[in-house]
Amino acid sequence: MMREWKEKLQRFMIGRYGTDQLARFLSGCILVLLILNLFIRDRILYWLALALLSYCYFRMFSKNISARLRENAVYLRWRSQVTEKLKKWKAQAVQAWKYHIYRCPGCGQKIRIPRGRGKVSIHCPKCHTDFIRRS
């Protein structure tokens, strides 16, 4: 019985797009919206989740595979840009925690000095200006 339903579903999905990274992301967003709706009780969240669910199913059952591939490619580019920015912010936060970053008063070059060294004399490698700062 269960095997028959599985075969029917497989036959139905032949030539259709199915799931991809964008569909998984949308499913996660739908789940978050529905959980938020349990606590906030806002109809907007419910209707937004329903609209996203409809769009997700539309994409999964679509036979226009080239259009769905383009949509997924746009999503993957966007996700890549966001993750790269997050990695950059994380690296900057780690740098700020371990180092002081000063600008040379002569040329504006950024110079990284370890924290906790007291007053230090800093020599700019670009314009060879010397200046004193507290680390």
C-alpha atoms as a PDB file:
ATOM      1  CA  MET A   1       0.000   0.000   0.000  1.00  0.00           C
ATOM      2  CA  MET A   2       2.682   2.475   1.058  1.00  0.00           C
ATOM      3  CA  ARG A   3       4.855   1.353  -1.837  1.00  0.00           C
ATOM      4  CA  GLU A   4       2.079   2.157  -4.305  1.00  0.00           C
ATOM      5  CA  TRP A   5       1.750   5.714  -2.971  1.00  0.00           C
ATOM      6  CA  LYS A   6       5.507   6.150  -3.178  1.00  0.00           C
ATOM      7  CA  GLU A   7       5.509   5.000  -6.810  1.00  0.00           C
ATOM      8  CA  LYS A   8       2.576   7.309  -7.639  1.00  0.00           C
ATOM      9  CA  LEU A   9       4.428  10.248  -6.095  1.00  0.00           C
ATOM     10  CA  GLN A  10       7.577   9.368  -8.019  1.00  0.00           C
ATOM     11  CA  ARG A  11       5.625   9.219 -11.294  1.00  0.00           C
ATOM     12  CA  PHE A  12       3.952  12.560 -10.462  1.00  0.00           C
ATOM     13  CA  MET A  13       7.316  14.239  -9.806  1.00  0.00           C
ATOM     14  CA  ILE A  14       8.884  13.112 -13.103  1.00  0.00           C
ATOM     15  CA  GLY A  15       9.766  16.262 -15.055  1.00  0.00           C
ATOM     16  CA  ARG A  16       9.135  18.534 -12.085  1.00  0.00           C
ATOM     17  CA  TYR A  17      11.760  20.632 -10.309  1.00  0.00           C
ATOM     18  CA  GLY A  18      11.677  19.273  -6.737  1.00  0.00           C
ATOM     19  CA  THR A  19      13.583  20.794  -3.836  1.00  0.00           C
ATOM     20  CA  ASP A  20      16.799  22.796  -3.782  1.00  0.00           C
ATOM     21  CA  GLN A  21      18.668  25.123  -1.417  1.00  0.00           C
ATOM     22  CA  LEU A  22      16.118  27.925  -1.859  1.00  0.00           C
ATOM     23  CA  ALA A  23      13.243  25.548  -1.043  1.00  0.00           C
ATOM     24  CA  ARG A  24      15.027  24.430   2.139  1.00  0.00           C
ATOM     25  CA  PHE A  25      15.632  28.062   3.123  1.00  0.00           C
ATOM     26  CA  LEU A  26      11.977  28.923   2.498  1.00  0.00           C
ATOM     27  CA  SER A  27      10.888  25.900   4.540  1.00  0.00           C
ATOM     28  CA  GLY A  28      13.021  27.110   7.438  1.00  0.00           C
ATOM     29  CA  CYS A  29      11.526  30.602   7.155  1.00  0.00           C
ATOM     30  CA  ILE A  30       8.017  29.125   7.132  1.00  0.00           C
ATOM     31  CA  LEU A  31       8.767  27.115  10.269  1.00  0.00           C
ATOM     32  CA  VAL A  32      10.172  30.179  12.056  1.00  0.00           C
ATOM     33  CA  LEU A  33       7.144  32.282  11.069  1.00  0.00           C
ATOM     34  CA  LEU A  34       4.699  29.645  12.273  1.00  0.00           C
ATOM     35  CA  ILE A  35       6.518  29.265  15.609  1.00  0.00           C
ATOM     36  CA  LEU A  36       6.553  33.048  16.044  1.00  0.00           C
ATOM     37  CA  ASN A  37       2.863  33.084  15.218  1.00  0.00           C
ATOM     38  CA  LEU A  38       2.215  30.711  18.144  1.00  0.00           C
ATOM     39  CA  PHE A  39       3.585  33.314  20.560  1.00  0.00           C
ATOM     40  CA  ILE A  40       2.696  36.604  18.878  1.00  0.00           C
ATOM     41  CA  ARG A  41      -0.685  35.664  17.370  1.00  0.00           C
ATOM     42  CA  ASP A  42      -0.415  37.978  14.396  1.00  0.00           C
ATOM     43  CA  ARG A  43      -2.400  37.255  11.238  1.00  0.00           C
ATOM     44  CA  ILE A  44       0.292  38.873   9.098  1.00  0.00           C
ATOM     45  CA  LEU A  45       2.821  36.220  10.144  1.00  0.00           C
ATOM     46  CA  TYR A  46       0.302  33.482   9.392  1.00  0.00           C
ATOM     47  CA  TRP A  47      -0.519  34.847   5.923  1.00  0.00           C
ATOM     48  CA  LEU A  48       3.151  35.446   5.158  1.00  0.00           C
ATOM     49  CA  ALA A  49       3.947  31.836   6.117  1.00  0.00           C
ATOM     50  CA  LEU A  50       1.048  30.638   3.956  1.00  0.00           C
ATOM     51  CA  ALA A  51       2.251  32.720   0.995  1.00  0.00           C
ATOM     52  CA  LEU A  52       5.798  31.371   1.369  1.00  0.00           C
ATOM     53  CA  LEU A  53       4.450  27.827   1.609  1.00  0.00           C
ATOM     54  CA  SER A  54       2.444  28.339  -1.581  1.00  0.00           C
ATOM     55  CA  TYR A  55       5.492  29.717  -3.379  1.00  0.00           C
ATOM     56  CA  CYS A  56       7.624  26.835  -2.098  1.00  0.00           C
ATOM     57  CA  TYR A  57       5.157  24.251  -3.409  1.00  0.00           C
ATOM     58  CA  PHE A  58       4.800  26.161  -6.692  1.00  0.00           C
ATOM     59  CA  ARG A  59       8.571  25.933  -7.164  1.00  0.00           C
ATOM     60  CA  MET A  60       8.704  22.244  -6.210  1.00  0.00           C
ATOM     61  CA  PHE A  61       5.953  21.197  -8.614  1.00  0.00           C
ATOM     62  CA  SER A  62       7.005  23.509 -11.454  1.00  0.00           C
ATOM     63  CA  LYS A  63       7.977  22.057 -14.817  1.00  0.00           C
ATOM     64  CA  ASN A  64       9.844  25.238 -15.811  1.00  0.00           C
ATOM     65  CA  ILE A  65      13.173  23.922 -14.579  1.00  0.00           C
ATOM     66  CA  SER A  66      15.350  26.617 -16.179  1.00  0.00           C
ATOM     67  CA  ALA A  67      13.482  29.417 -14.384  1.00  0.00           C
ATOM     68  CA  ARG A  68      13.747  27.580 -11.045  1.00  0.00           C
ATOM     69  CA  LEU A  69      17.491  27.047 -11.605  1.00  0.00           C
ATOM     70  CA  ARG A  70      17.906  30.793 -12.219  1.00  0.00           C
ATOM     71  CA  GLU A  71      15.991  31.608  -9.031  1.00  0.00           C
ATOM     72  CA  ASN A  72      18.163  29.208  -7.056  1.00  0.00           C
ATOM     73  CA  ALA A  73      21.331  30.693  -8.590  1.00  0.00           C
ATOM     74  CA  VAL A  74      20.233  34.195  -7.518  1.00  0.00           C
ATOM     75  CA  TYR A  75      19.569  32.893  -4.002  1.00  0.00           C
ATOM     76  CA  LEU A  76      22.967  31.166  -3.850  1.00  0.00           C
ATOM     77  CA  ARG A  77      24.747  34.370  -4.971  1.00  0.00           C
ATOM     78  CA  TRP A  78      22.871  36.369  -2.315  1.00  0.00           C
ATOM     79  CA  ARG A  79      23.650  33.784   0.375  1.00  0.00           C
ATOM     80  CA  SER A  80      27.311  33.774  -0.601  1.00  0.00           C
ATOM     81  CA  GLN A  81      27.516  37.563  -0.314  1.00  0.00           C
ATOM     82  CA  VAL A  82      25.830  37.526   3.101  1.00  0.00           C
ATOM     83  CA  THR A  83      28.051  34.757   4.459  1.00  0.00           C
ATOM     84  CA  GLU A  84      31.183  36.517   3.195  1.00  0.00           C
ATOM     85  CA  LYS A  85      30.145  39.731   4.959  1.00  0.00           C
ATOM     86  CA  LEU A  86      29.437  37.797   8.161  1.00  0.00           C
ATOM     87  CA  LYS A  87      32.862  36.124   7.959  1.00  0.00           C
ATOM     88  CA  LYS A  88      34.470  39.529   7.437  1.00  0.00           C
ATOM     89  CA  TRP A  89      32.645  41.019  10.440  1.00  0.00           C
ATOM     90  CA  LYS A  90      33.639  38.047  12.577  1.00  0.00           C
ATOM     91  CA  ALA A  91      37.298  38.408  11.565  1.00  0.00           C
ATOM     92  CA  GLN A  92      37.164  42.138  12.339  1.00  0.00           C
ATOM     93  CA  ALA A  93      35.642  41.415  15.753  1.00  0.00           C
ATOM     94  CA  VAL A  94      38.425  38.953  16.540  1.00  0.00           C
ATOM     95  CA  GLN A  95      41.004  41.496  15.376  1.00  0.00           C
ATOM     96  CA  ALA A  96      39.440  44.226  17.524  1.00  0.00           C
ATOM     97  CA  TRP A  97      39.485  41.936  20.554  1.00  0.00           C
ATOM     98  CA  LYS A  98      43.181  41.031  20.200  1.00  0.00           C
ATOM     99  CA  TYR A  99      44.621  44.183  18.628  1.00  0.00           C
ATOM    100  CA  HIS A 100      44.324  47.955  18.534  1.00  0.00           C
ATOM    101  CA  ILE A 101      44.195  49.267  15.015  1.00  0.00           C
ATOM    102  CA  TYR A 102      45.577  52.780  14.565  1.00  0.00           C
ATOM    103  CA  ARG A 103      45.798  55.036  11.547  1.00  0.00           C
ATOM    104  CA  CYS A 104      49.073  56.713  10.751  1.00  0.00           C
ATOM    105  CA  PRO A 105      48.714  60.491  11.147  1.00  0.00           C
ATOM    106  CA  GLY A 106      50.947  61.003   8.106  1.00  0.00           C
ATOM    107  CA  CYS A 107      49.430  58.770   5.431  1.00  0.00           C
ATOM    108  CA  GLY A 108      46.341  57.116   6.971  1.00  0.00           C
ATOM    109  CA  GLN A 109      47.780  53.593   6.758  1.00  0.00           C
ATOM    110  CA  LYS A 110      46.165  51.141   9.199  1.00  0.00           C
ATOM    111  CA  ILE A 111      48.630  49.664  11.687  1.00  0.00           C
ATOM    112  CA  ARG A 112      47.808  46.744  13.979  1.00  0.00           C
ATOM    113  CA  ILE A 113      49.307  46.706  17.496  1.00  0.00           C
ATOM    114  CA  PRO A 114      48.725  43.939  20.100  1.00  0.00           C
ATOM    115  CA  ARG A 115      46.652  44.986  23.114  1.00  0.00           C
ATOM    116  CA  GLY A 116      48.111  45.231  26.609  1.00  0.00           C
ATOM    117  CA  ARG A 117      51.593  46.558  25.766  1.00  0.00           C
ATOM    118  CA  GLY A 118      51.184  49.969  27.439  1.00  0.00           C
ATOM    119  CA  LYS A 119      52.546  53.030  25.619  1.00  0.00           C
ATOM    120  CA  VAL A 120      54.301  52.013  22.425  1.00  0.00           C
ATOM    121  CA  SER A 121      56.152  53.839  19.707  1.00  0.00           C
ATOM    122  CA  ILE A 122      54.673  52.939  16.353  1.00  0.00           C
ATOM    123  CA  HIS A 123      56.664  53.153  13.132  1.00  0.00           C
ATOM    124  CA  CYS A 124      54.581  53.406   9.937  1.00  0.00           C
ATOM    125  CA  PRO A 125      55.930  50.991   7.303  1.00  0.00           C
ATOM    126  CA  LYS A 126      54.542  53.108   4.468  1.00  0.00           C
ATOM    127  CA  CYS A 127      55.661  56.701   5.201  1.00  0.00           C
ATOM    128  CA  HIS A 128      58.126  55.972   8.055  1.00  0.00           C
ATOM    129  CA  THR A 129      56.383  58.330  10.491  1.00  0.00           C
ATOM    130  CA  ASP A 130      56.856  57.571  14.209  1.00  0.00           C
ATOM    131  CA  PHE A 131      54.058  58.230  16.698  1.00  0.00           C
ATOM    132  CA  ILE A 132      53.195  57.099  20.237  1.00  0.00           C
ATOM    133  CA  ARG A 133      49.907  55.444  21.218  1.00  0.00           C
ATOM    134  CA  ARG A 134      48.585  53.434  24.151  1.00  0.00           C
ATOM    135  CA  SER A 135      47.891  49.778  23.403  1.00  0.00           C
END
